[in-house]
Protein backbone atom coordinates (compact mmCIF):
# COMPACT_ATOMS: atom_id res chain seq x y z
CA MET A 1 -117.25 221.70 240.02
CA SER A 2 -116.28 218.16 239.04
CA ALA A 3 -113.53 216.47 241.01
CA LEU A 4 -111.32 216.13 237.95
CA LYS A 5 -111.70 219.79 237.03
CA ALA A 6 -110.87 220.76 240.63
CA ARG A 7 -107.74 218.58 240.47
CA ILE A 8 -106.64 220.26 237.24
CA THR A 9 -107.18 223.70 238.80
CA ASP A 10 -105.16 222.69 241.88
CA ASP A 11 -102.37 221.38 239.64
CA MET A 12 -102.35 224.73 237.81
CA LYS A 13 -101.76 226.53 241.10
CA ALA A 14 -99.01 224.08 242.05
CA ALA A 15 -97.32 224.50 238.66
CA MET A 16 -97.42 228.28 239.10
CA ARG A 17 -95.79 228.04 242.53
CA ALA A 18 -93.16 225.61 241.26
CA GLY A 19 -92.38 227.72 238.18
CA GLU A 20 -93.09 224.86 235.74
CA LYS A 21 -93.85 227.05 232.72
CA ASP A 22 -94.33 224.29 230.14
CA ARG A 23 -96.65 222.25 232.36
CA LEU A 24 -98.53 225.39 233.38
CA GLY A 25 -99.11 226.30 229.75
CA VAL A 26 -100.63 222.89 228.97
CA ILE A 27 -102.83 222.96 232.07
CA ARG A 28 -104.08 226.41 231.06
CA LEU A 29 -104.90 225.01 227.59
CA ILE A 30 -106.91 222.24 229.26
CA LEU A 31 -108.82 224.68 231.47
CA ALA A 32 -109.49 226.95 228.49
CA ALA A 33 -110.91 224.03 226.49
CA LEU A 34 -113.12 223.04 229.43
CA LYS A 35 -114.33 226.61 229.93
CA GLN A 36 -115.02 226.98 226.20
CA ARG A 37 -117.21 223.88 226.22
CA GLU A 38 -119.06 225.09 229.33
CA VAL A 39 -119.71 228.50 227.79
CA ASP A 40 -120.74 227.08 224.41
CA GLU A 41 -123.20 224.60 225.89
CA ARG A 42 -124.16 226.67 228.97
CA ILE A 43 -123.54 223.75 231.32
CA GLU A 44 -121.24 222.75 234.16
CA LEU A 45 -119.11 219.80 232.99
CA ASP A 46 -119.10 216.58 235.00
CA ASP A 47 -116.14 214.20 235.12
CA THR A 48 -117.33 212.18 232.11
CA GLN A 49 -117.58 215.30 229.97
CA VAL A 50 -114.17 216.52 231.20
CA LEU A 51 -112.69 213.15 230.17
CA ALA A 52 -114.25 213.51 226.72
CA VAL A 53 -112.62 216.94 226.28
CA LEU A 54 -109.25 215.58 227.44
CA GLU A 55 -109.50 212.61 225.10
CA LYS A 56 -110.27 214.93 222.19
CA MET A 57 -107.23 217.06 223.06
CA VAL A 58 -104.99 213.98 223.11
CA LYS A 59 -106.36 212.83 219.75
CA GLN A 60 -105.72 216.25 218.19
CA ARG A 61 -102.15 216.23 219.44
CA ARG A 62 -101.50 212.70 218.18
CA ASP A 63 -102.74 213.75 214.74
CA SER A 64 -100.40 216.75 214.89
CA ILE A 65 -97.48 214.53 215.90
CA GLU A 66 -98.10 212.32 212.84
CA GLN A 67 -98.20 215.33 210.55
CA PHE A 68 -95.11 216.97 212.06
CA THR A 69 -93.17 213.70 211.87
CA ALA A 70 -94.18 213.24 208.23
CA ALA A 71 -92.99 216.80 207.50
CA ALA A 72 -89.66 216.14 209.31
CA ARG A 73 -90.44 218.71 212.03
CA GLU A 74 -89.27 216.77 215.09
CA ASP A 75 -89.02 219.99 217.11
CA LEU A 76 -92.76 220.61 216.80
CA ALA A 77 -93.58 216.92 217.29
CA ALA A 78 -91.60 216.95 220.55
CA VAL A 79 -93.68 219.87 221.86
CA GLU A 80 -96.89 217.98 221.04
CA ARG A 81 -95.57 214.81 222.73
CA ALA A 82 -94.84 216.80 225.89
CA GLU A 83 -98.40 218.18 225.85
CA VAL A 84 -99.83 214.67 225.41
CA THR A 85 -97.85 213.50 228.46
CA VAL A 86 -99.33 216.26 230.65
CA ILE A 87 -102.90 215.73 229.37
CA GLU A 88 -102.72 211.92 229.75
CA ALA A 89 -101.86 212.36 233.44
CA TYR A 90 -105.53 213.28 233.97
CA LEU A 91 -106.92 210.33 232.02
CA PRO A 92 -107.60 206.98 233.75
CA ALA A 93 -105.25 204.06 233.11
CA ALA A 94 -105.58 202.66 229.60
CA LEU A 95 -107.38 199.37 229.09
CA GLY A 96 -105.53 196.38 227.69
CA GLU A 97 -106.64 194.64 224.51
CA ALA A 98 -108.05 191.68 226.45
CA GLU A 99 -110.17 193.98 228.63
CA ILE A 100 -111.52 195.86 225.60
CA ASP A 101 -112.25 192.55 223.88
CA LEU A 102 -114.23 191.38 226.92
CA ILE A 103 -116.21 194.64 227.14
CA VAL A 104 -117.08 194.47 223.43
CA ALA A 105 -118.06 190.78 223.59
CA THR A 106 -120.27 191.43 226.63
CA ALA A 107 -121.95 194.40 224.92
CA ILE A 108 -122.62 192.36 221.77
CA SER A 109 -124.26 189.57 223.75
CA GLU A 110 -126.27 191.96 225.97
CA THR A 111 -127.61 193.98 223.03
CA GLY A 112 -128.27 190.90 220.91
CA ALA A 113 -126.36 192.46 218.02
CA ALA A 114 -126.36 190.19 214.99
CA GLY A 115 -124.62 192.18 212.27
CA PRO A 116 -123.06 195.45 211.16
CA ARG A 117 -126.40 197.29 211.26
CA ASP A 118 -126.47 196.80 215.06
CA MET A 119 -123.12 198.55 215.52
CA GLY A 120 -124.75 201.71 216.94
CA LYS A 121 -126.32 199.79 219.82
CA VAL A 122 -123.02 198.14 220.70
CA VAL A 123 -121.02 201.39 220.49
CA ALA A 124 -123.59 203.15 222.70
CA GLN A 125 -123.12 200.50 225.38
CA VAL A 126 -119.31 200.26 225.09
CA LYS A 127 -118.45 203.97 224.91
CA PRO A 128 -119.23 204.93 228.53
CA GLN A 129 -117.14 201.98 229.76
CA VAL A 130 -114.02 202.82 227.75
CA LEU A 131 -114.20 206.63 227.61
CA GLY A 132 -110.77 208.06 228.31
CA ARG A 133 -109.30 204.59 228.68
CA ALA A 134 -109.16 203.43 225.04
CA ASP A 135 -109.03 204.89 221.55
CA MET A 136 -112.62 204.83 220.28
CA GLY A 137 -111.40 204.47 216.69
CA LYS A 138 -109.72 201.17 217.52
CA VAL A 139 -112.69 200.06 219.62
CA SER A 140 -115.05 200.79 216.72
CA GLU A 141 -112.84 198.76 214.38
CA LEU A 142 -112.92 195.85 216.81
CA ILE A 143 -116.74 196.05 217.06
CA LYS A 144 -117.02 196.17 213.27
CA ARG A 145 -114.79 193.10 212.87
CA LYS A 146 -116.71 191.11 215.49
CA LEU A 147 -120.08 191.98 213.96
CA ALA A 148 -118.93 191.23 210.43
CA GLY A 149 -118.16 187.66 211.23
């Protein structure tokens, strides 16, 4: 079992003992998503794969928050925000813009990328370094801008 998954399981037990129903519910959602991925792919997830699942869960909830806010359903948006807070506790600290910029610039020079058609090479090198620490959509936009000119 990966260290991160073990930590999540331990936190579930602690939340049960403490009677933190909301937090417990979110942790159970996390464990269910991890288990679903393991069953679907017939693998044991490592920490990198666990981070990918957590990042996907955060992205889904942020999309829901946008939609609920647009529909004037602050009550539902507040529930999603609370879930994001619990999930983000398991993600590593977010990278700053300067750090992301440096990682992207380094990847472009190392891969020898010259234009937009080389974006795949750059993304492949950058993704493992920023996984769980930056929004890949924003990182992709930055890569696209740098390769365009």
